[in-house]
Amino acid sequence: MDRPTSDTPFTLAGPLRSPAQMLADQSYDGHASVHDDETAASLGLTAGPIEGPTHFSQMDPLLAAIWGDRWFSHGCVSAHFQTMVVEGEEVRATISSTGPAARTVRIDATKADGTPVLTGTASVGPDHPETELGPRLARAQGSPPERLHVIDLLSVGQTGPGDETITVTFEEDFGELYPFSLAQKLDLITEPLDWYLPGAGTPWGAPIVPIEMLSVLTNTASKHSGFAARQPSIGLFIDLEVRLLGSPVLVGHTYRVDREIAALSESRRTESYWTRTTLTDVATDVASAEVLLHQGVFKDSYPGYPSNAD
């Protein structure tokens, strides 16, 4: 896609894509997740939804058309998920900008019939304008819930053990939360890129991990860090921001995972928590990425949830 040259506002739209469902076999503490069709139906959903970050890949060609290679080393995508997508549905990504010199753009994804899937912002750093999730997080921090029943074991400021690490390979499975490998993801990714492949000659000396996969890296072992709701319960992603800090996350490199709970929230249907996680390259001790995830737990999925709790 060519870089826009006009100084006037513009919109770029990608093609319709059919993202693949890769979490149908996801399990959490021995039970199925919301991505399982039967479990989804029990919560009033039409089918097991595709994981929200999957749609981030459809933004990459559009954002690279504006910011070039810097998108993959200094980009920040910040999104609020609006409507779940199930396998077989098509999705289109669009970005809207005030002009090629703009420091931030609006991002949106919609289904073929126009139903909104996500909305948010994208920018390139190191100095980012306010992101989509900035005000949302501030509101959550300013209005903490009075009483919680499913995530009551979590607290603002809680941190992980500090000794977590992850190394991404092409063939190794990510575990029960993400029962697939990077190679399997790349076979089905909506926007293939040569820089993702084994032996890729990237400016950073190794293949890069797709931006949509960074929430996988930070979330795959989160329950082992004490960052977990009471079980059995079913969760979902509400908001997600991924920020690269000067380098892509690279295949074959080992990263330290440092996490902290930034806020707790509550809505009519969910209890939720915000986690800020940093991936730091162990070899250089330089942070490569930061992931801000707001994830909720359906109240109805927790047995015995107090009927008068609302």
C-alpha atoms as a PDB file:
ATOM      1  CA  MET A   1       0.000   0.000   0.000  1.00  0.00           C
ATOM      2  CA  ASP A   2       1.411   3.415  -1.008  1.00  0.00           C
ATOM      3  CA  ARG A   3       2.064   6.134   1.556  1.00  0.00           C
ATOM      4  CA  PRO A   4      -0.545   8.909   1.427  1.00  0.00           C
ATOM      5  CA  THR A   5       0.871  12.200   0.109  1.00  0.00           C
ATOM      6  CA  SER A   6      -2.072  14.595   0.384  1.00  0.00           C
ATOM      7  CA  ASP A   7      -2.064  17.147   3.209  1.00  0.00           C
ATOM      8  CA  THR A   8      -5.833  16.781   3.633  1.00  0.00           C
ATOM      9  CA  PRO A   9      -7.621  14.293   5.923  1.00  0.00           C
ATOM     10  CA  PHE A  10      -7.839  10.778   4.523  1.00  0.00           C
ATOM     11  CA  THR A  11      -9.135   7.309   5.303  1.00  0.00           C
ATOM     12  CA  LEU A  12      -7.464   4.020   4.375  1.00  0.00           C
ATOM     13  CA  ALA A  13      -9.514   0.831   4.257  1.00  0.00           C
ATOM     14  CA  GLY A  14      -8.229  -2.711   4.035  1.00  0.00           C
ATOM     15  CA  PRO A  15      -9.917  -5.689   2.385  1.00  0.00           C
ATOM     16  CA  LEU A  16     -12.495  -7.864   4.076  1.00  0.00           C
ATOM     17  CA  ARG A  17     -10.783 -10.752   5.878  1.00  0.00           C
ATOM     18  CA  SER A  18     -12.101 -13.890   7.560  1.00  0.00           C
ATOM     19  CA  PRO A  19     -10.082 -14.352  10.767  1.00  0.00           C
ATOM     20  CA  ALA A  20      -9.627 -17.894  12.043  1.00  0.00           C
ATOM     21  CA  GLN A  21     -10.791 -19.252  15.396  1.00  0.00           C
ATOM     22  CA  MET A  22      -7.710 -20.650  17.155  1.00  0.00           C
ATOM     23  CA  LEU A  23      -8.971 -20.833  20.744  1.00  0.00           C
ATOM     24  CA  ALA A  24     -11.814 -23.359  20.495  1.00  0.00           C
ATOM     25  CA  ASP A  25      -9.719 -25.776  22.593  1.00  0.00           C
ATOM     26  CA  GLN A  26      -8.589 -23.187  25.129  1.00  0.00           C
ATOM     27  CA  SER A  27      -8.927 -24.320  28.732  1.00  0.00           C
ATOM     28  CA  TYR A  28      -8.526 -22.616  32.084  1.00  0.00           C
ATOM     29  CA  ASP A  29      -8.117 -24.611  35.286  1.00  0.00           C
ATOM     30  CA  GLY A  30      -9.691 -27.617  33.606  1.00  0.00           C
ATOM     31  CA  HIS A  31     -12.763 -25.945  32.117  1.00  0.00           C
ATOM     32  CA  ALA A  32     -13.514 -24.497  28.683  1.00  0.00           C
ATOM     33  CA  SER A  33     -13.344 -20.786  27.934  1.00  0.00           C
ATOM     34  CA  VAL A  34     -15.713 -18.332  26.250  1.00  0.00           C
ATOM     35  CA  HIS A  35     -14.154 -19.334  22.916  1.00  0.00           C
ATOM     36  CA  ASP A  36     -15.846 -22.739  23.155  1.00  0.00           C
ATOM     37  CA  ASP A  37     -19.226 -22.732  21.353  1.00  0.00           C
ATOM     38  CA  GLU A  38     -21.145 -24.497  24.124  1.00  0.00           C
ATOM     39  CA  THR A  39     -19.694 -22.258  26.822  1.00  0.00           C
ATOM     40  CA  ALA A  40     -20.413 -19.164  24.746  1.00  0.00           C
ATOM     41  CA  ALA A  41     -24.023 -20.278  24.277  1.00  0.00           C
ATOM     42  CA  SER A  42     -24.442 -20.623  28.049  1.00  0.00           C
ATOM     43  CA  LEU A  43     -23.638 -16.905  28.306  1.00  0.00           C
ATOM     44  CA  GLY A  44     -26.094 -15.920  25.588  1.00  0.00           C
ATOM     45  CA  LEU A  45     -23.527 -15.595  22.780  1.00  0.00           C
ATOM     46  CA  THR A  46     -24.099 -16.947  19.268  1.00  0.00           C
ATOM     47  CA  ALA A  47     -20.817 -18.913  19.188  1.00  0.00           C
ATOM     48  CA  GLY A  48     -17.303 -18.935  20.584  1.00  0.00           C
ATOM     49  CA  PRO A  49     -15.755 -15.584  19.619  1.00  0.00           C
ATOM     50  CA  ILE A  50     -12.417 -15.080  17.896  1.00  0.00           C
ATOM     51  CA  GLU A  51      -9.860 -13.440  20.180  1.00  0.00           C
ATOM     52  CA  GLY A  52      -9.975  -9.650  19.812  1.00  0.00           C
ATOM     53  CA  PRO A  53      -6.233  -9.030  19.244  1.00  0.00           C
ATOM     54  CA  THR A  54      -6.499 -11.127  16.058  1.00  0.00           C
ATOM     55  CA  HIS A  55      -7.944  -8.048  14.356  1.00  0.00           C
ATOM     56  CA  PHE A  56      -4.826  -5.967  15.095  1.00  0.00           C
ATOM     57  CA  SER A  57      -2.993  -7.622  12.197  1.00  0.00           C
ATOM     58  CA  GLN A  58      -5.441  -6.092   9.727  1.00  0.00           C
ATOM     59  CA  MET A  59      -4.261  -2.664  10.886  1.00  0.00           C
ATOM     60  CA  ASP A  60      -0.567  -3.328  10.218  1.00  0.00           C
ATOM     61  CA  PRO A  61      -0.463  -2.745   6.420  1.00  0.00           C
ATOM     62  CA  LEU A  62      -2.506   0.461   6.783  1.00  0.00           C
ATOM     63  CA  LEU A  63      -0.326   1.862   9.567  1.00  0.00           C
ATOM     64  CA  ALA A  64       2.905   0.826   7.850  1.00  0.00           C
ATOM     65  CA  ALA A  65       1.692   2.749   4.793  1.00  0.00           C
ATOM     66  CA  ILE A  66       1.838   5.906   6.921  1.00  0.00           C
ATOM     67  CA  TRP A  67       4.798   5.292   9.219  1.00  0.00           C
ATOM     68  CA  GLY A  68       6.875   2.670   7.398  1.00  0.00           C
ATOM     69  CA  ASP A  69       9.193   0.348   9.329  1.00  0.00           C
ATOM     70  CA  ARG A  70       8.852   2.508  12.466  1.00  0.00           C
ATOM     71  CA  TRP A  71       5.385   1.079  12.962  1.00  0.00           C
ATOM     72  CA  PHE A  72       6.943  -2.299  13.816  1.00  0.00           C
ATOM     73  CA  SER A  73       9.440  -0.850  16.326  1.00  0.00           C
ATOM     74  CA  HIS A  74       7.719   2.226  17.820  1.00  0.00           C
ATOM     75  CA  GLY A  75       4.012   1.644  17.137  1.00  0.00           C
ATOM     76  CA  CYS A  76       1.197   1.796  19.674  1.00  0.00           C
ATOM     77  CA  VAL A  77      -2.260   0.367  19.004  1.00  0.00           C
ATOM     78  CA  SER A  78      -4.925   1.086  21.634  1.00  0.00           C
ATOM     79  CA  ALA A  79      -8.408  -0.368  21.225  1.00  0.00           C
ATOM     80  CA  HIS A  80     -11.763  -0.884  22.905  1.00  0.00           C
ATOM     81  CA  PHE A  81     -13.493  -4.074  21.767  1.00  0.00           C
ATOM     82  CA  GLN A  82     -17.145  -3.492  20.872  1.00  0.00           C
ATOM     83  CA  THR A  83     -18.643  -6.601  19.252  1.00  0.00           C
ATOM     84  CA  MET A  84     -17.426 -10.197  19.190  1.00  0.00           C
ATOM     85  CA  VAL A  85     -16.596 -11.868  15.868  1.00  0.00           C
ATOM     86  CA  VAL A  86     -17.215 -15.565  15.212  1.00  0.00           C
ATOM     87  CA  GLU A  87     -15.548 -17.762  12.620  1.00  0.00           C
ATOM     88  CA  GLY A  88     -17.013 -17.257   9.152  1.00  0.00           C
ATOM     89  CA  GLU A  89     -17.680 -13.542   9.641  1.00  0.00           C
ATOM     90  CA  GLU A  90     -15.673 -11.029   7.631  1.00  0.00           C
ATOM     91  CA  VAL A  91     -13.952  -7.972   9.099  1.00  0.00           C
ATOM     92  CA  ARG A  92     -12.581  -4.802   7.493  1.00  0.00           C
ATOM     93  CA  ALA A  93     -10.015  -2.483   9.125  1.00  0.00           C
ATOM     94  CA  THR A  94      -9.910   1.270   8.492  1.00  0.00           C
ATOM     95  CA  ILE A  95      -7.785   4.160   9.713  1.00  0.00           C
ATOM     96  CA  SER A  96      -8.685   7.852   9.599  1.00  0.00           C
ATOM     97  CA  SER A  97      -6.096  10.624   9.742  1.00  0.00           C
ATOM     98  CA  THR A  98      -6.016  14.398   9.625  1.00  0.00           C
ATOM     99  CA  GLY A  99      -3.031  14.142   7.250  1.00  0.00           C
ATOM    100  CA  PRO A 100       0.309  12.343   6.671  1.00  0.00           C
ATOM    101  CA  ALA A 101       2.027  14.424   9.383  1.00  0.00           C
ATOM    102  CA  ALA A 102      -0.505  13.463  12.073  1.00  0.00           C
ATOM    103  CA  ARG A 103       0.993  11.926  15.219  1.00  0.00           C
ATOM    104  CA  THR A 104      -2.062   9.774  15.881  1.00  0.00           C
ATOM    105  CA  VAL A 105      -4.865   8.220  13.824  1.00  0.00           C
ATOM    106  CA  ARG A 106      -8.243   6.690  14.561  1.00  0.00           C
ATOM    107  CA  ILE A 107      -8.575   2.964  13.962  1.00  0.00           C
ATOM    108  CA  ASP A 108     -11.761   0.971  13.467  1.00  0.00           C
ATOM    109  CA  ALA A 109     -12.763  -2.537  12.476  1.00  0.00           C
ATOM    110  CA  THR A 110     -16.239  -3.460  11.298  1.00  0.00           C
ATOM    111  CA  LYS A 111     -18.038  -6.546  10.095  1.00  0.00           C
ATOM    112  CA  ALA A 112     -19.187  -6.777   6.476  1.00  0.00           C
ATOM    113  CA  ASP A 113     -22.612  -5.450   7.482  1.00  0.00           C
ATOM    114  CA  GLY A 114     -21.102  -2.431   9.255  1.00  0.00           C
ATOM    115  CA  THR A 115     -21.367  -3.737  12.821  1.00  0.00           C
ATOM    116  CA  PRO A 116     -18.498  -2.183  14.849  1.00  0.00           C
ATOM    117  CA  VAL A 117     -15.869  -4.646  16.108  1.00  0.00           C
ATOM    118  CA  LEU A 118     -13.330  -2.315  17.726  1.00  0.00           C
ATOM    119  CA  THR A 119     -12.384   1.354  17.838  1.00  0.00           C
ATOM    120  CA  GLY A 120      -9.308   3.159  19.069  1.00  0.00           C
ATOM    121  CA  THR A 121      -6.101   4.986  18.239  1.00  0.00           C
ATOM    122  CA  ALA A 122      -2.701   4.234  16.765  1.00  0.00           C
ATOM    123  CA  SER A 123       0.478   6.289  16.962  1.00  0.00           C
ATOM    124  CA  VAL A 124       4.253   6.037  16.696  1.00  0.00           C
ATOM    125  CA  GLY A 125       6.649   6.970  19.484  1.00  0.00           C
ATOM    126  CA  PRO A 126       8.636   7.430  21.433  1.00  0.00           C
ATOM    127  CA  ASP A 127       6.372  10.356  22.420  1.00  0.00           C
ATOM    128  CA  HIS A 128       2.769   9.250  21.984  1.00  0.00           C
ATOM    129  CA  PRO A 129      -0.307  11.503  22.129  1.00  0.00           C
ATOM    130  CA  GLU A 130      -3.134  10.392  24.398  1.00  0.00           C
ATOM    131  CA  THR A 131      -4.297   6.896  23.499  1.00  0.00           C
ATOM    132  CA  GLU A 132      -7.796   5.417  23.430  1.00  0.00           C
ATOM    133  CA  LEU A 133      -7.246   3.624  26.727  1.00  0.00           C
ATOM    134  CA  GLY A 134      -5.668   6.529  28.603  1.00  0.00           C
ATOM    135  CA  PRO A 135      -8.983   8.127  29.675  1.00  0.00           C
ATOM    136  CA  ARG A 136     -10.649   4.725  30.167  1.00  0.00           C
ATOM    137  CA  LEU A 137      -7.945   3.642  32.598  1.00  0.00           C
ATOM    138  CA  ALA A 138      -8.084   6.994  34.405  1.00  0.00           C
ATOM    139  CA  ARG A 139     -11.847   6.608  34.917  1.00  0.00           C
ATOM    140  CA  ALA A 140     -11.362   3.106  36.311  1.00  0.00           C
ATOM    141  CA  GLN A 141      -8.658   4.314  38.694  1.00  0.00           C
ATOM    142  CA  GLY A 142     -10.871   7.179  39.825  1.00  0.00           C
ATOM    143  CA  SER A 143     -13.918   4.997  40.576  1.00  0.00           C
ATOM    144  CA  PRO A 144     -12.798   1.740  42.227  1.00  0.00           C
ATOM    145  CA  PRO A 145     -15.552  -0.841  42.906  1.00  0.00           C
ATOM    146  CA  GLU A 146     -16.787  -1.074  46.478  1.00  0.00           C
ATOM    147  CA  ARG A 147     -17.035  -4.863  46.676  1.00  0.00           C
ATOM    148  CA  LEU A 148     -15.911  -7.687  44.429  1.00  0.00           C
ATOM    149  CA  HIS A 149     -16.735 -11.404  44.486  1.00  0.00           C
ATOM    150  CA  VAL A 150     -14.738 -13.032  41.656  1.00  0.00           C
ATOM    151  CA  ILE A 151     -11.562 -10.937  41.413  1.00  0.00           C
ATOM    152  CA  ASP A 152     -11.512 -10.025  45.095  1.00  0.00           C
ATOM    153  CA  LEU A 153      -8.134 -11.701  45.582  1.00  0.00           C
ATOM    154  CA  LEU A 154      -6.524  -9.133  43.266  1.00  0.00           C
ATOM    155  CA  SER A 155      -5.444  -5.651  44.341  1.00  0.00           C
ATOM    156  CA  VAL A 156      -4.213  -2.481  42.662  1.00  0.00           C
ATOM    157  CA  GLY A 157      -0.416  -2.367  42.718  1.00  0.00           C
ATOM    158  CA  GLN A 158      -0.089  -6.151  42.915  1.00  0.00           C
ATOM    159  CA  THR A 159       2.930  -7.356  40.945  1.00  0.00           C
ATOM    160  CA  GLY A 160       4.105 -10.649  39.508  1.00  0.00           C
ATOM    161  CA  PRO A 161       6.962 -12.675  40.962  1.00  0.00           C
ATOM    162  CA  GLY A 162       9.566 -10.879  38.827  1.00  0.00           C
ATOM    163  CA  ASP A 163      11.248 -14.057  37.627  1.00  0.00           C
ATOM    164  CA  GLU A 164       8.947 -14.898  34.700  1.00  0.00           C
ATOM    165  CA  THR A 165      10.548 -15.292  31.289  1.00  0.00           C
ATOM    166  CA  ILE A 166       9.321 -16.341  27.855  1.00  0.00           C
ATOM    167  CA  THR A 167      11.160 -17.317  24.693  1.00  0.00           C
ATOM    168  CA  VAL A 168       9.229 -17.474  21.448  1.00  0.00           C
ATOM    169  CA  THR A 169      10.015 -20.254  18.986  1.00  0.00           C
ATOM    170  CA  PHE A 170       8.175 -21.202  15.823  1.00  0.00           C
ATOM    171  CA  GLU A 171       7.198 -24.723  16.856  1.00  0.00           C
ATOM    172  CA  GLU A 172       6.613 -24.647  20.616  1.00  0.00           C
ATOM    173  CA  ASP A 173       2.977 -24.600  21.754  1.00  0.00           C
ATOM    174  CA  PHE A 174       1.980 -21.698  24.035  1.00  0.00           C
ATOM    175  CA  GLY A 175       0.036 -23.962  26.417  1.00  0.00           C
ATOM    176  CA  GLU A 176      -3.557 -24.529  27.515  1.00  0.00           C
ATOM    177  CA  LEU A 177      -4.532 -20.847  27.312  1.00  0.00           C
ATOM    178  CA  TYR A 178      -3.176 -20.580  23.768  1.00  0.00           C
ATOM    179  CA  PRO A 179      -3.131 -24.113  22.311  1.00  0.00           C
ATOM    180  CA  PHE A 180      -1.168 -23.339  19.151  1.00  0.00           C
ATOM    181  CA  SER A 181       2.363 -22.468  18.035  1.00  0.00           C
ATOM    182  CA  LEU A 182       3.666 -19.373  16.281  1.00  0.00           C
ATOM    183  CA  ALA A 183       4.042 -21.425  13.093  1.00  0.00           C
ATOM    184  CA  GLN A 184       0.370 -22.409  13.270  1.00  0.00           C
ATOM    185  CA  LYS A 185      -0.639 -18.781  13.833  1.00  0.00           C
ATOM    186  CA  LEU A 186       1.398 -17.660  10.822  1.00  0.00           C
ATOM    187  CA  ASP A 187      -0.346 -20.253   8.644  1.00  0.00           C
ATOM    188  CA  LEU A 188      -3.694 -18.567   9.418  1.00  0.00           C
ATOM    189  CA  ILE A 189      -2.796 -14.910  10.072  1.00  0.00           C
ATOM    190  CA  THR A 190      -4.918 -12.481   8.075  1.00  0.00           C
ATOM    191  CA  GLU A 191      -1.937 -10.388   6.919  1.00  0.00           C
ATOM    192  CA  PRO A 192       1.172 -12.499   6.174  1.00  0.00           C
ATOM    193  CA  LEU A 193       4.507 -10.684   6.296  1.00  0.00           C
ATOM    194  CA  ASP A 194       7.938 -11.983   5.239  1.00  0.00           C
ATOM    195  CA  TRP A 195       9.467 -10.487   8.389  1.00  0.00           C
ATOM    196  CA  TYR A 196       7.529 -13.019  10.474  1.00  0.00           C
ATOM    197  CA  LEU A 197       9.077 -16.077   8.798  1.00  0.00           C
ATOM    198  CA  PRO A 198      12.073 -18.253   9.762  1.00  0.00           C
ATOM    199  CA  GLY A 199      15.313 -16.816   8.413  1.00  0.00           C
ATOM    200  CA  ALA A 200      13.779 -13.405   7.761  1.00  0.00           C
ATOM    201  CA  GLY A 201      16.347 -10.667   7.167  1.00  0.00           C
ATOM    202  CA  THR A 202      14.790  -7.921   9.253  1.00  0.00           C
ATOM    203  CA  PRO A 203      16.478  -4.658  10.305  1.00  0.00           C
ATOM    204  CA  TRP A 204      16.587  -6.084  13.845  1.00  0.00           C
ATOM    205  CA  GLY A 205      18.489  -9.272  12.999  1.00  0.00           C
ATOM    206  CA  ALA A 206      15.724 -11.839  13.618  1.00  0.00           C
ATOM    207  CA  PRO A 207      12.109 -12.569  12.643  1.00  0.00           C
ATOM    208  CA  ILE A 208       9.586 -10.370  14.441  1.00  0.00           C
ATOM    209  CA  VAL A 209       6.612 -11.532  16.480  1.00  0.00           C
ATOM    210  CA  PRO A 210       3.311 -10.107  15.121  1.00  0.00           C
ATOM    211  CA  ILE A 211       1.874  -7.297  17.225  1.00  0.00           C
ATOM    212  CA  GLU A 212      -1.355  -9.269  17.675  1.00  0.00           C
ATOM    213  CA  MET A 213       0.678 -11.968  19.462  1.00  0.00           C
ATOM    214  CA  LEU A 214       2.138  -9.781  22.209  1.00  0.00           C
ATOM    215  CA  SER A 215      -0.935 -10.186  24.407  1.00  0.00           C
ATOM    216  CA  VAL A 216      -0.413 -13.943  24.062  1.00  0.00           C
ATOM    217  CA  LEU A 217       3.145 -13.639  25.365  1.00  0.00           C
ATOM    218  CA  THR A 218       2.118 -11.551  28.354  1.00  0.00           C
ATOM    219  CA  ASN A 219      -1.031 -13.494  29.212  1.00  0.00           C
ATOM    220  CA  THR A 220      -0.081 -17.128  28.626  1.00  0.00           C
ATOM    221  CA  ALA A 221       1.366 -17.673  32.110  1.00  0.00           C
ATOM    222  CA  SER A 222      -0.484 -14.956  34.011  1.00  0.00           C
ATOM    223  CA  LYS A 223      -2.411 -17.354  36.232  1.00  0.00           C
ATOM    224  CA  HIS A 224       0.881 -18.770  37.552  1.00  0.00           C
ATOM    225  CA  SER A 225       1.696 -15.268  38.787  1.00  0.00           C
ATOM    226  CA  GLY A 226      -1.376 -15.044  40.991  1.00  0.00           C
ATOM    227  CA  PHE A 227      -3.200 -12.884  38.452  1.00  0.00           C
ATOM    228  CA  ALA A 228      -6.372 -14.941  38.255  1.00  0.00           C
ATOM    229  CA  ALA A 229     -10.054 -14.735  39.105  1.00  0.00           C
ATOM    230  CA  ARG A 230     -11.831 -17.231  41.333  1.00  0.00           C
ATOM    231  CA  GLN A 231     -12.778 -20.403  39.478  1.00  0.00           C
ATOM    232  CA  PRO A 232     -14.787 -21.666  37.742  1.00  0.00           C
ATOM    233  CA  SER A 233     -15.465 -18.433  35.862  1.00  0.00           C
ATOM    234  CA  ILE A 234     -15.351 -17.266  32.252  1.00  0.00           C
ATOM    235  CA  GLY A 235     -13.409 -14.226  31.103  1.00  0.00           C
ATOM    236  CA  LEU A 236     -13.134 -11.931  28.092  1.00  0.00           C
ATOM    237  CA  PHE A 237     -10.956  -9.101  26.771  1.00  0.00           C
ATOM    238  CA  ILE A 238     -12.517  -5.615  26.974  1.00  0.00           C
ATOM    239  CA  ASP A 239      -9.652  -3.257  26.083  1.00  0.00           C
ATOM    240  CA  LEU A 240      -6.092  -3.780  24.855  1.00  0.00           C
ATOM    241  CA  GLU A 241      -3.134  -1.495  24.189  1.00  0.00           C
ATOM    242  CA  VAL A 242       0.173  -2.728  22.765  1.00  0.00           C
ATOM    243  CA  ARG A 243       3.111  -0.313  22.734  1.00  0.00           C
ATOM    244  CA  LEU A 244       6.516  -1.047  21.177  1.00  0.00           C
ATOM    245  CA  LEU A 245       9.408   0.731  22.856  1.00  0.00           C
ATOM    246  CA  GLY A 246      12.058   0.872  20.128  1.00  0.00           C
ATOM    247  CA  SER A 247      12.292  -2.686  18.847  1.00  0.00           C
ATOM    248  CA  PRO A 248       9.909  -5.438  17.802  1.00  0.00           C
ATOM    249  CA  VAL A 249       9.687  -8.510  19.999  1.00  0.00           C
ATOM    250  CA  LEU A 250      11.929 -11.042  18.243  1.00  0.00           C
ATOM    251  CA  VAL A 251      11.693 -14.784  17.713  1.00  0.00           C
ATOM    252  CA  GLY A 252      14.448 -16.630  19.582  1.00  0.00           C
ATOM    253  CA  HIS A 253      15.021 -13.889  22.156  1.00  0.00           C
ATOM    254  CA  THR A 254      14.201 -14.390  25.825  1.00  0.00           C
ATOM    255  CA  TYR A 255      12.091 -11.749  27.572  1.00  0.00           C
ATOM    256  CA  ARG A 256      11.483 -11.057  31.234  1.00  0.00           C
ATOM    257  CA  VAL A 257       7.794 -10.548  32.021  1.00  0.00           C
ATOM    258  CA  ASP A 258       7.007  -7.883  34.642  1.00  0.00           C
ATOM    259  CA  ARG A 259       3.342  -7.284  35.431  1.00  0.00           C
ATOM    260  CA  GLU A 260       1.325  -5.025  37.719  1.00  0.00           C
ATOM    261  CA  ILE A 261      -2.399  -4.498  38.294  1.00  0.00           C
ATOM    262  CA  ALA A 262      -3.244  -0.891  37.432  1.00  0.00           C
ATOM    263  CA  ALA A 263      -6.967  -0.802  38.269  1.00  0.00           C
ATOM    264  CA  LEU A 264     -10.044  -2.843  39.179  1.00  0.00           C
ATOM    265  CA  SER A 265     -13.458  -2.220  37.610  1.00  0.00           C
ATOM    266  CA  GLU A 266     -17.051  -3.421  37.615  1.00  0.00           C
ATOM    267  CA  SER A 267     -19.995  -3.255  35.212  1.00  0.00           C
ATOM    268  CA  ARG A 268     -23.477  -4.745  35.191  1.00  0.00           C
ATOM    269  CA  ARG A 269     -22.253  -8.042  33.713  1.00  0.00           C
ATOM    270  CA  THR A 270     -18.580  -8.200  34.660  1.00  0.00           C
ATOM    271  CA  GLU A 271     -15.897  -7.681  37.233  1.00  0.00           C
ATOM    272  CA  SER A 272     -12.640  -6.683  35.564  1.00  0.00           C
ATOM    273  CA  TYR A 273      -9.014  -5.755  36.071  1.00  0.00           C
ATOM    274  CA  TRP A 274      -6.355  -3.789  34.209  1.00  0.00           C
ATOM    275  CA  THR A 275      -2.872  -5.284  33.939  1.00  0.00           C
ATOM    276  CA  ARG A 276       0.204  -3.448  32.642  1.00  0.00           C
ATOM    277  CA  THR A 277       2.919  -5.888  31.522  1.00  0.00           C
ATOM    278  CA  THR A 278       6.407  -5.141  30.223  1.00  0.00           C
ATOM    279  CA  LEU A 279       8.560  -7.438  28.069  1.00  0.00           C
ATOM    280  CA  THR A 280      12.280  -6.806  28.593  1.00  0.00           C
ATOM    281  CA  ASP A 281      14.953  -8.439  26.435  1.00  0.00           C
ATOM    282  CA  VAL A 282      17.101 -10.412  28.886  1.00  0.00           C
ATOM    283  CA  ALA A 283      20.213 -10.120  26.734  1.00  0.00           C
ATOM    284  CA  THR A 284      20.191  -6.310  26.689  1.00  0.00           C
ATOM    285  CA  ASP A 285      18.012  -5.532  29.745  1.00  0.00           C
ATOM    286  CA  VAL A 286      16.100  -3.103  27.514  1.00  0.00           C
ATOM    287  CA  ALA A 287      12.299  -3.069  27.503  1.00  0.00           C
ATOM    288  CA  SER A 288      10.859  -3.896  24.093  1.00  0.00           C
ATOM    289  CA  ALA A 289       7.087  -3.734  24.614  1.00  0.00           C
ATOM    290  CA  GLU A 290       4.365  -2.796  27.066  1.00  0.00           C
ATOM    291  CA  VAL A 291       0.904  -4.361  27.044  1.00  0.00           C
ATOM    292  CA  LEU A 292      -2.090  -2.841  28.862  1.00  0.00           C
ATOM    293  CA  LEU A 293      -4.920  -5.366  29.090  1.00  0.00           C
ATOM    294  CA  HIS A 294      -8.377  -4.817  30.567  1.00  0.00           C
ATOM    295  CA  GLN A 295     -10.029  -8.193  31.000  1.00  0.00           C
ATOM    296  CA  GLY A 296     -13.342  -9.036  32.576  1.00  0.00           C
ATOM    297  CA  VAL A 297     -15.054 -12.012  34.158  1.00  0.00           C
ATOM    298  CA  PHE A 298     -18.753 -12.698  33.527  1.00  0.00           C
ATOM    299  CA  LYS A 299     -20.590 -12.552  36.844  1.00  0.00           C
ATOM    300  CA  ASP A 300     -23.116 -15.105  35.577  1.00  0.00           C
ATOM    301  CA  SER A 301     -20.317 -17.623  34.971  1.00  0.00           C
ATOM    302  CA  TYR A 302     -19.307 -17.815  38.651  1.00  0.00           C
ATOM    303  CA  PRO A 303     -21.456 -20.296  40.609  1.00  0.00           C
ATOM    304  CA  GLY A 304     -23.260 -18.678  43.501  1.00  0.00           C
ATOM    305  CA  TYR A 305     -22.561 -15.091  42.498  1.00  0.00           C
ATOM    306  CA  PRO A 306     -24.747 -13.030  44.894  1.00  0.00           C
ATOM    307  CA  SER A 307     -28.009 -12.093  43.172  1.00  0.00           C
ATOM    308  CA  ASN A 308     -28.128  -8.761  44.994  1.00  0.00           C
ATOM    309  CA  ALA A 309     -24.520  -7.853  44.206  1.00  0.00           C
ATOM    310  CA  ASP A 310     -25.486  -5.354  41.532  1.00  0.00           C
END
